[in-house]
């Protein structure tokens, strides 16, 4: 019955530290268990996205970590496409 307790404690500590380092960051801890419905997870993710978009509209900025991660993913995706074409 206490299998998720260590994850919960560590997750809360990590979230707290990230919020201290990046006060504007939006975090959503999701515990994925077999009994959790997909609709519940998807709804929570959609709410996070809508909240982030609302905050971006009011501040005019994106969180640096999110923007950097997004740029890196785009760069990696482009690199993979180029590598497939040349192979």
Protein backbone atom coordinates (compact mmCIF):
# COMPACT_ATOMS: atom_id res chain seq x y z
CA UNK A 1 0.00 0.00 0.00
CA UNK A 2 3.00 2.37 0.36
CA UNK A 3 4.69 1.70 -2.99
CA UNK A 4 4.08 5.22 -4.25
CA UNK A 5 5.15 7.01 -1.05
CA UNK A 6 8.87 7.35 -1.94
CA UNK A 7 7.98 8.65 -5.40
CA UNK A 8 5.52 11.12 -3.88
CA UNK A 9 8.07 12.45 -1.37
CA UNK A 10 10.86 12.78 -3.96
CA UNK A 11 8.49 14.27 -6.54
CA UNK A 12 7.26 16.92 -4.11
CA UNK A 13 10.84 17.87 -3.22
CA UNK A 14 11.89 18.13 -6.86
CA UNK A 15 8.80 20.20 -7.74
CA UNK A 16 9.44 22.55 -4.84
CA UNK A 17 13.07 23.10 -5.86
CA UNK A 18 12.12 23.68 -9.51
CA UNK A 19 9.49 26.23 -8.46
CA UNK A 20 12.15 28.04 -6.40
CA UNK A 21 14.58 28.06 -9.34
CA UNK A 22 11.95 28.94 -11.98
CA UNK A 23 8.98 30.66 -10.31
CA UNK A 24 7.13 31.01 -13.63
CA UNK A 25 7.27 27.28 -14.45
CA UNK A 26 4.08 25.25 -14.61
CA UNK A 27 4.48 21.71 -13.28
CA UNK A 28 2.01 18.85 -13.33
CA UNK A 29 2.99 15.73 -11.40
CA UNK A 30 1.09 12.80 -12.91
CA UNK A 31 1.00 9.46 -11.15
CA UNK A 32 0.33 6.79 -13.72
CA UNK A 33 -1.33 3.78 -12.17
CA UNK A 34 -3.25 1.02 -13.94
CA UNK A 35 -6.48 2.15 -12.25
CA UNK A 36 -6.15 5.79 -13.44
CA UNK A 37 -8.33 6.44 -16.47
CA UNK A 38 -6.74 7.77 -19.63
CA UNK A 39 -9.43 10.47 -19.77
CA UNK A 40 -8.38 11.75 -16.33
CA UNK A 41 -4.72 11.99 -17.35
CA UNK A 42 -5.59 13.64 -20.65
CA UNK A 43 -7.88 16.18 -18.97
CA UNK A 44 -5.18 17.15 -16.48
CA UNK A 45 -2.67 17.60 -19.30
CA UNK A 46 -5.11 19.72 -21.30
CA UNK A 47 -5.78 21.90 -18.26
CA UNK A 48 -2.02 22.43 -17.83
CA UNK A 49 -1.68 23.44 -21.50
CA UNK A 50 -4.62 25.85 -21.30
CA UNK A 51 -3.24 27.36 -18.10
CA UNK A 52 0.20 27.78 -19.66
CA UNK A 53 -1.25 29.44 -22.75
CA UNK A 54 -3.22 31.83 -20.57
CA UNK A 55 -0.09 32.73 -18.60
CA UNK A 56 1.91 33.21 -21.79
CA UNK A 57 -0.73 35.58 -23.10
CA UNK A 58 -0.60 37.72 -19.96
CA UNK A 59 3.18 37.81 -19.53
CA UNK A 60 4.21 37.60 -23.18
CA UNK A 61 7.01 35.19 -22.27
CA UNK A 62 7.53 31.46 -22.17
CA UNK A 63 9.30 29.68 -19.38
CA UNK A 64 13.02 29.47 -20.33
CA UNK A 65 13.27 25.74 -19.60
CA UNK A 66 10.22 24.94 -21.72
CA UNK A 67 11.35 27.11 -24.61
CA UNK A 68 14.85 25.61 -24.55
CA UNK A 69 13.47 22.05 -24.39
CA UNK A 70 11.08 22.72 -27.26
CA UNK A 71 13.88 24.15 -29.41
CA UNK A 72 16.09 21.16 -28.66
CA UNK A 73 13.33 18.70 -29.62
CA UNK A 74 12.78 20.51 -32.93
CA UNK A 75 16.53 20.41 -33.64
CA UNK A 76 16.68 16.67 -32.83
CA UNK A 77 13.65 15.96 -35.02
CA UNK A 78 15.23 17.81 -37.96
CA UNK A 79 18.50 15.92 -37.44
CA UNK A 80 16.67 12.55 -37.46
CA UNK A 81 14.84 13.42 -40.71
CA UNK A 82 18.12 14.44 -42.37
CA UNK A 83 19.83 11.25 -41.17
CA UNK A 84 16.97 9.07 -42.57
CA UNK A 85 17.14 10.77 -45.98
CA UNK A 86 20.88 10.25 -46.30
CA UNK A 87 20.69 6.59 -45.22
